[in-house]
């Protein structure tokens, strides 16, 4: 999946906005970021729960790596050049669902 595909998918979910986040683009639900993409469009950062992160890194080590945000592990970094569409869709959906379920937390 390329950057345009990521953008189309992420913004197809209800109430999602795309907003700048420093030099990245971010996808948000109720103001909470669930994914960011650097300007190059070849990587995607998705903020998924620990279980999804560990599974993605374990089963797709050539595509996914742990994403650090400061000193915390917060998700996965996906190499869009080699990631399959199904994996990208699954992780974006998981990140969106997690943030949407939290509501106004």
N, C-alpha and C. Protein backbone atom coordinates (compact mmCIF):
# COMPACT_ATOMS: atom_id res chain seq x y z
N UNK A 1 0.86 -1.18 0.00
CA UNK A 1 0.00 0.00 0.00
C UNK A 1 0.90 1.23 0.00
N UNK A 2 0.50 2.22 -0.77
CA UNK A 2 1.28 3.45 -0.80
C UNK A 2 0.64 4.51 0.10
N UNK A 3 1.26 5.69 0.15
CA UNK A 3 0.78 6.76 1.03
C UNK A 3 -0.65 7.18 0.69
N UNK A 4 -0.98 7.23 -0.59
CA UNK A 4 -2.35 7.61 -0.97
C UNK A 4 -3.36 6.57 -0.50
N UNK A 5 -2.98 5.29 -0.57
CA UNK A 5 -3.85 4.23 -0.09
C UNK A 5 -4.07 4.31 1.42
N UNK A 6 -2.98 4.60 2.15
CA UNK A 6 -3.09 4.77 3.60
C UNK A 6 -4.03 5.92 3.92
N UNK A 7 -3.83 7.03 3.23
CA UNK A 7 -4.67 8.21 3.46
C UNK A 7 -6.14 7.91 3.17
N UNK A 8 -6.40 7.25 2.06
CA UNK A 8 -7.79 6.92 1.70
C UNK A 8 -8.42 5.98 2.73
N UNK A 9 -7.67 4.99 3.16
CA UNK A 9 -8.20 4.05 4.15
C UNK A 9 -8.45 4.73 5.48
N UNK A 10 -7.45 5.42 6.00
CA UNK A 10 -7.58 6.04 7.33
C UNK A 10 -8.70 7.05 7.38
N UNK A 11 -8.85 7.83 6.32
CA UNK A 11 -9.89 8.86 6.35
C UNK A 11 -11.27 8.32 5.98
N UNK A 12 -11.35 7.03 5.64
CA UNK A 12 -12.66 6.43 5.36
C UNK A 12 -13.40 6.05 6.63
N UNK A 13 -12.70 6.00 7.76
CA UNK A 13 -13.34 5.66 9.02
C UNK A 13 -14.10 6.87 9.55
N UNK A 14 -15.19 6.62 10.29
CA UNK A 14 -16.00 7.73 10.80
C UNK A 14 -15.21 8.70 11.68
N UNK A 15 -15.44 9.98 11.46
CA UNK A 15 -14.93 11.06 12.30
C UNK A 15 -13.42 11.21 12.30
N UNK A 16 -12.74 10.68 11.30
CA UNK A 16 -11.28 10.81 11.23
C UNK A 16 -10.91 12.12 10.55
N UNK A 17 -9.90 12.77 11.12
CA UNK A 17 -9.33 13.95 10.49
C UNK A 17 -7.87 13.69 10.20
N UNK A 18 -7.37 14.33 9.17
CA UNK A 18 -5.94 14.29 8.87
C UNK A 18 -5.40 15.67 9.20
N UNK A 19 -4.38 15.69 10.06
CA UNK A 19 -3.82 16.95 10.52
C UNK A 19 -2.31 16.85 10.57
N UNK A 20 -1.62 18.00 10.45
CA UNK A 20 -0.17 17.97 10.59
C UNK A 20 0.23 17.63 12.03
N UNK A 21 1.33 16.94 12.15
CA UNK A 21 1.91 16.66 13.47
C UNK A 21 3.42 16.83 13.30
N UNK A 22 3.90 18.00 13.64
CA UNK A 22 5.27 18.40 13.33
C UNK A 22 5.46 18.27 11.83
N UNK A 23 6.45 17.54 11.35
CA UNK A 23 6.63 17.41 9.91
C UNK A 23 5.95 16.15 9.35
N UNK A 24 5.20 15.45 10.17
CA UNK A 24 4.45 14.26 9.75
C UNK A 24 3.01 14.65 9.46
N UNK A 25 2.28 13.75 8.82
CA UNK A 25 0.84 13.87 8.78
C UNK A 25 0.30 12.90 9.82
N UNK A 26 -0.82 13.25 10.43
CA UNK A 26 -1.40 12.36 11.43
C UNK A 26 -2.86 12.12 11.12
N UNK A 27 -3.33 10.97 11.56
CA UNK A 27 -4.73 10.60 11.42
C UNK A 27 -5.28 10.48 12.83
N UNK A 28 -6.41 11.15 13.06
CA UNK A 28 -6.94 11.29 14.42
C UNK A 28 -8.43 10.98 14.49
N UNK A 29 -8.81 10.46 15.64
CA UNK A 29 -10.21 10.29 15.98
C UNK A 29 -10.42 11.04 17.29
N UNK A 30 -11.36 11.95 17.32
CA UNK A 30 -11.61 12.79 18.51
C UNK A 30 -10.33 13.45 19.01
N UNK A 31 -9.48 13.87 18.09
CA UNK A 31 -8.25 14.56 18.46
C UNK A 31 -7.10 13.66 18.86
N UNK A 32 -7.36 12.35 18.98
CA UNK A 32 -6.32 11.40 19.40
C UNK A 32 -5.68 10.75 18.18
N UNK A 33 -4.37 10.78 18.13
CA UNK A 33 -3.64 10.23 17.00
C UNK A 33 -3.65 8.70 17.06
N UNK A 34 -3.99 8.08 15.93
CA UNK A 34 -3.89 6.62 15.84
C UNK A 34 -2.86 6.19 14.80
N UNK A 35 -2.41 7.12 13.96
CA UNK A 35 -1.36 6.80 12.99
C UNK A 35 -0.69 8.08 12.53
N UNK A 36 0.60 7.98 12.21
CA UNK A 36 1.32 9.10 11.61
C UNK A 36 2.13 8.57 10.43
N UNK A 37 2.42 9.49 9.51
CA UNK A 37 3.19 9.11 8.33
C UNK A 37 4.20 10.22 8.03
N UNK A 38 5.48 9.85 7.96
CA UNK A 38 6.50 10.85 7.59
C UNK A 38 6.29 11.34 6.16
N UNK A 39 6.87 12.48 5.83
CA UNK A 39 6.68 13.06 4.49
C UNK A 39 7.08 12.13 3.34
N UNK A 40 8.03 11.25 3.56
CA UNK A 40 8.47 10.36 2.49
C UNK A 40 7.37 9.42 2.03
N UNK A 41 6.42 9.11 2.92
CA UNK A 41 5.32 8.21 2.59
C UNK A 41 5.70 6.75 2.45
N UNK A 42 6.90 6.39 2.88
CA UNK A 42 7.31 4.98 2.77
C UNK A 42 7.23 4.25 4.10
N UNK A 43 6.98 4.98 5.16
CA UNK A 43 6.79 4.37 6.48
C UNK A 43 5.44 4.81 7.03
N UNK A 44 4.90 3.99 7.90
CA UNK A 44 3.67 4.32 8.60
C UNK A 44 3.85 3.94 10.05
N UNK A 45 3.48 4.81 10.95
CA UNK A 45 3.51 4.53 12.39
C UNK A 45 2.07 4.35 12.85
N UNK A 46 1.78 3.18 13.40
CA UNK A 46 0.44 2.93 13.91
C UNK A 46 0.52 2.66 15.41
N UNK A 47 -0.37 3.29 16.14
CA UNK A 47 -0.38 3.22 17.60
C UNK A 47 -1.36 2.13 18.03
N UNK A 48 -0.83 0.92 18.13
CA UNK A 48 -1.64 -0.23 18.48
C UNK A 48 -1.29 -0.72 19.87
N UNK A 49 -2.19 -1.50 20.43
CA UNK A 49 -1.99 -2.07 21.77
C UNK A 49 -0.84 -3.08 21.74
N UNK A 50 -0.36 -3.39 22.92
CA UNK A 50 0.80 -4.28 23.08
C UNK A 50 0.63 -5.62 22.35
N UNK A 51 -0.53 -6.22 22.45
CA UNK A 51 -0.76 -7.52 21.83
C UNK A 51 -0.61 -7.45 20.31
N UNK A 52 -1.22 -6.44 19.69
CA UNK A 52 -1.10 -6.29 18.24
C UNK A 52 0.34 -5.98 17.83
N UNK A 53 1.00 -5.14 18.62
CA UNK A 53 2.39 -4.78 18.34
C UNK A 53 3.29 -6.01 18.36
N UNK A 54 3.17 -6.79 19.42
CA UNK A 54 4.02 -7.97 19.54
C UNK A 54 3.75 -8.97 18.43
N UNK A 55 2.49 -9.18 18.09
CA UNK A 55 2.14 -10.12 17.03
C UNK A 55 2.68 -9.65 15.67
N UNK A 56 2.52 -8.37 15.38
CA UNK A 56 3.00 -7.83 14.10
C UNK A 56 4.51 -7.96 13.97
N UNK A 57 5.24 -7.62 15.02
CA UNK A 57 6.70 -7.69 14.98
C UNK A 57 7.17 -9.14 14.89
N UNK A 58 6.49 -10.03 15.59
CA UNK A 58 6.86 -11.45 15.58
C UNK A 58 6.56 -12.11 14.23
N UNK A 59 5.40 -11.83 13.66
CA UNK A 59 5.00 -12.52 12.44
C UNK A 59 5.45 -11.82 11.16
N UNK A 60 5.83 -10.55 11.25
CA UNK A 60 6.26 -9.79 10.07
C UNK A 60 7.54 -9.00 10.37
N UNK A 61 8.61 -9.67 10.80
CA UNK A 61 9.82 -8.94 11.20
C UNK A 61 10.50 -8.19 10.05
N UNK A 62 10.22 -8.57 8.82
CA UNK A 62 10.80 -7.89 7.66
C UNK A 62 10.03 -6.63 7.29
N UNK A 63 8.87 -6.42 7.92
CA UNK A 63 7.98 -5.31 7.58
C UNK A 63 7.73 -4.39 8.78
N UNK A 64 7.65 -4.96 9.97
CA UNK A 64 7.26 -4.21 11.17
C UNK A 64 8.37 -4.20 12.20
N UNK A 65 8.50 -3.06 12.86
CA UNK A 65 9.40 -2.97 14.01
C UNK A 65 8.71 -2.16 15.10
N UNK A 66 9.17 -2.34 16.30
CA UNK A 66 8.56 -1.62 17.43
C UNK A 66 8.75 -0.12 17.25
N UNK A 67 7.73 0.62 17.65
CA UNK A 67 7.75 2.08 17.56
C UNK A 67 7.90 2.67 18.94
N UNK A 68 8.97 3.39 19.14
CA UNK A 68 9.22 4.11 20.40
C UNK A 68 8.66 5.52 20.28
N UNK A 69 8.05 5.99 21.33
CA UNK A 69 7.58 7.37 21.43
C UNK A 69 8.15 7.87 22.74
N UNK A 70 9.23 8.60 22.67
CA UNK A 70 9.97 8.92 23.88
C UNK A 70 10.59 7.65 24.41
N UNK A 71 10.29 7.30 25.64
CA UNK A 71 10.83 6.08 26.25
C UNK A 71 9.83 4.94 26.25
N UNK A 72 8.65 5.15 25.64
CA UNK A 72 7.61 4.12 25.65
C UNK A 72 7.48 3.44 24.30
N UNK A 73 7.14 2.16 24.33
CA UNK A 73 6.76 1.44 23.12
C UNK A 73 5.27 1.70 22.91
N UNK A 74 4.92 2.23 21.74
CA UNK A 74 3.53 2.64 21.54
C UNK A 74 2.86 2.02 20.32
N UNK A 75 3.61 1.29 19.54
CA UNK A 75 3.00 0.71 18.34
C UNK A 75 4.03 0.10 17.44
N UNK A 76 3.73 0.13 16.15
CA UNK A 76 4.65 -0.44 15.17
C UNK A 76 4.93 0.56 14.05
N UNK A 77 6.13 0.44 13.53
CA UNK A 77 6.56 1.16 12.35
C UNK A 77 6.48 0.17 11.20
N UNK A 78 5.76 0.52 10.15
CA UNK A 78 5.54 -0.38 9.02
C UNK A 78 6.27 0.16 7.79
N UNK A 79 7.00 -0.72 7.14
CA UNK A 79 7.67 -0.38 5.88
C UNK A 79 6.65 -0.59 4.75
N UNK A 80 6.09 0.49 4.25
CA UNK A 80 5.04 0.39 3.24
C UNK A 80 5.54 -0.14 1.90
N UNK A 81 6.84 -0.09 1.67
CA UNK A 81 7.39 -0.59 0.40
C UNK A 81 7.22 -2.10 0.30
N UNK A 82 7.18 -2.80 1.43
CA UNK A 82 7.12 -4.26 1.40
C UNK A 82 5.90 -4.84 2.12
N UNK A 83 5.16 -4.02 2.83
CA UNK A 83 4.00 -4.52 3.58
C UNK A 83 2.84 -4.84 2.65
N UNK A 84 2.17 -5.92 2.91
CA UNK A 84 0.96 -6.25 2.17
C UNK A 84 -0.20 -5.38 2.61
N UNK A 85 -1.12 -5.15 1.69
CA UNK A 85 -2.28 -4.31 1.99
C UNK A 85 -3.09 -4.83 3.17
N UNK A 86 -3.26 -6.14 3.25
CA UNK A 86 -4.06 -6.72 4.33
C UNK A 86 -3.46 -6.41 5.70
N UNK A 87 -2.14 -6.53 5.83
CA UNK A 87 -1.48 -6.22 7.09
C UNK A 87 -1.66 -4.75 7.46
N UNK A 88 -1.45 -3.87 6.50
CA UNK A 88 -1.59 -2.44 6.75
C UNK A 88 -3.03 -2.12 7.17
N UNK A 89 -3.99 -2.67 6.46
CA UNK A 89 -5.40 -2.44 6.79
C UNK A 89 -5.73 -2.94 8.19
N UNK A 90 -5.24 -4.12 8.53
CA UNK A 90 -5.51 -4.71 9.84
C UNK A 90 -4.95 -3.83 10.95
N UNK A 91 -3.73 -3.35 10.80
CA UNK A 91 -3.11 -2.54 11.85
C UNK A 91 -3.72 -1.15 11.95
N UNK A 92 -4.05 -0.55 10.82
CA UNK A 92 -4.72 0.76 10.87
C UNK A 92 -6.08 0.62 11.55
N UNK A 93 -6.81 -0.41 11.19
CA UNK A 93 -8.13 -0.64 11.80
C UNK A 93 -8.00 -0.87 13.31
N UNK A 94 -7.02 -1.66 13.73
CA UNK A 94 -6.83 -1.92 15.16
C UNK A 94 -6.50 -0.63 15.90
N UNK A 95 -5.65 0.20 15.32
CA UNK A 95 -5.29 1.46 15.96
C UNK A 95 -6.50 2.39 16.05
N UNK A 96 -7.25 2.48 14.97
CA UNK A 96 -8.45 3.32 14.96
C UNK A 96 -9.46 2.81 16.01
N UNK A 97 -9.74 1.52 15.99
CA UNK A 97 -10.71 0.95 16.92
C UNK A 97 -10.32 1.20 18.37
N UNK A 98 -9.03 1.07 18.66
CA UNK A 98 -8.54 1.28 20.02
C UNK A 98 -8.78 2.72 20.47
N UNK A 99 -8.43 3.68 19.62
CA UNK A 99 -8.62 5.08 19.98
C UNK A 99 -10.11 5.44 20.04
N UNK A 100 -10.90 4.94 19.10
CA UNK A 100 -12.32 5.24 19.08
C UNK A 100 -13.01 4.69 20.32
N UNK A 101 -12.60 3.50 20.77
CA UNK A 101 -13.21 2.88 21.94
C UNK A 101 -12.91 3.66 23.22
N UNK A 102 -11.82 4.37 23.22
CA UNK A 102 -11.45 5.13 24.43
C UNK A 102 -12.30 6.38 24.62
N UNK A 103 -12.96 6.80 23.55
CA UNK A 103 -13.84 7.97 23.66
C UNK A 103 -13.09 9.19 24.14
N UNK A 104 -13.58 9.83 25.14
CA UNK A 104 -13.00 11.09 25.62
C UNK A 104 -11.91 10.88 26.66
N UNK A 105 -11.38 9.67 26.78
CA UNK A 105 -10.30 9.45 27.79
C UNK A 105 -9.16 10.40 27.60
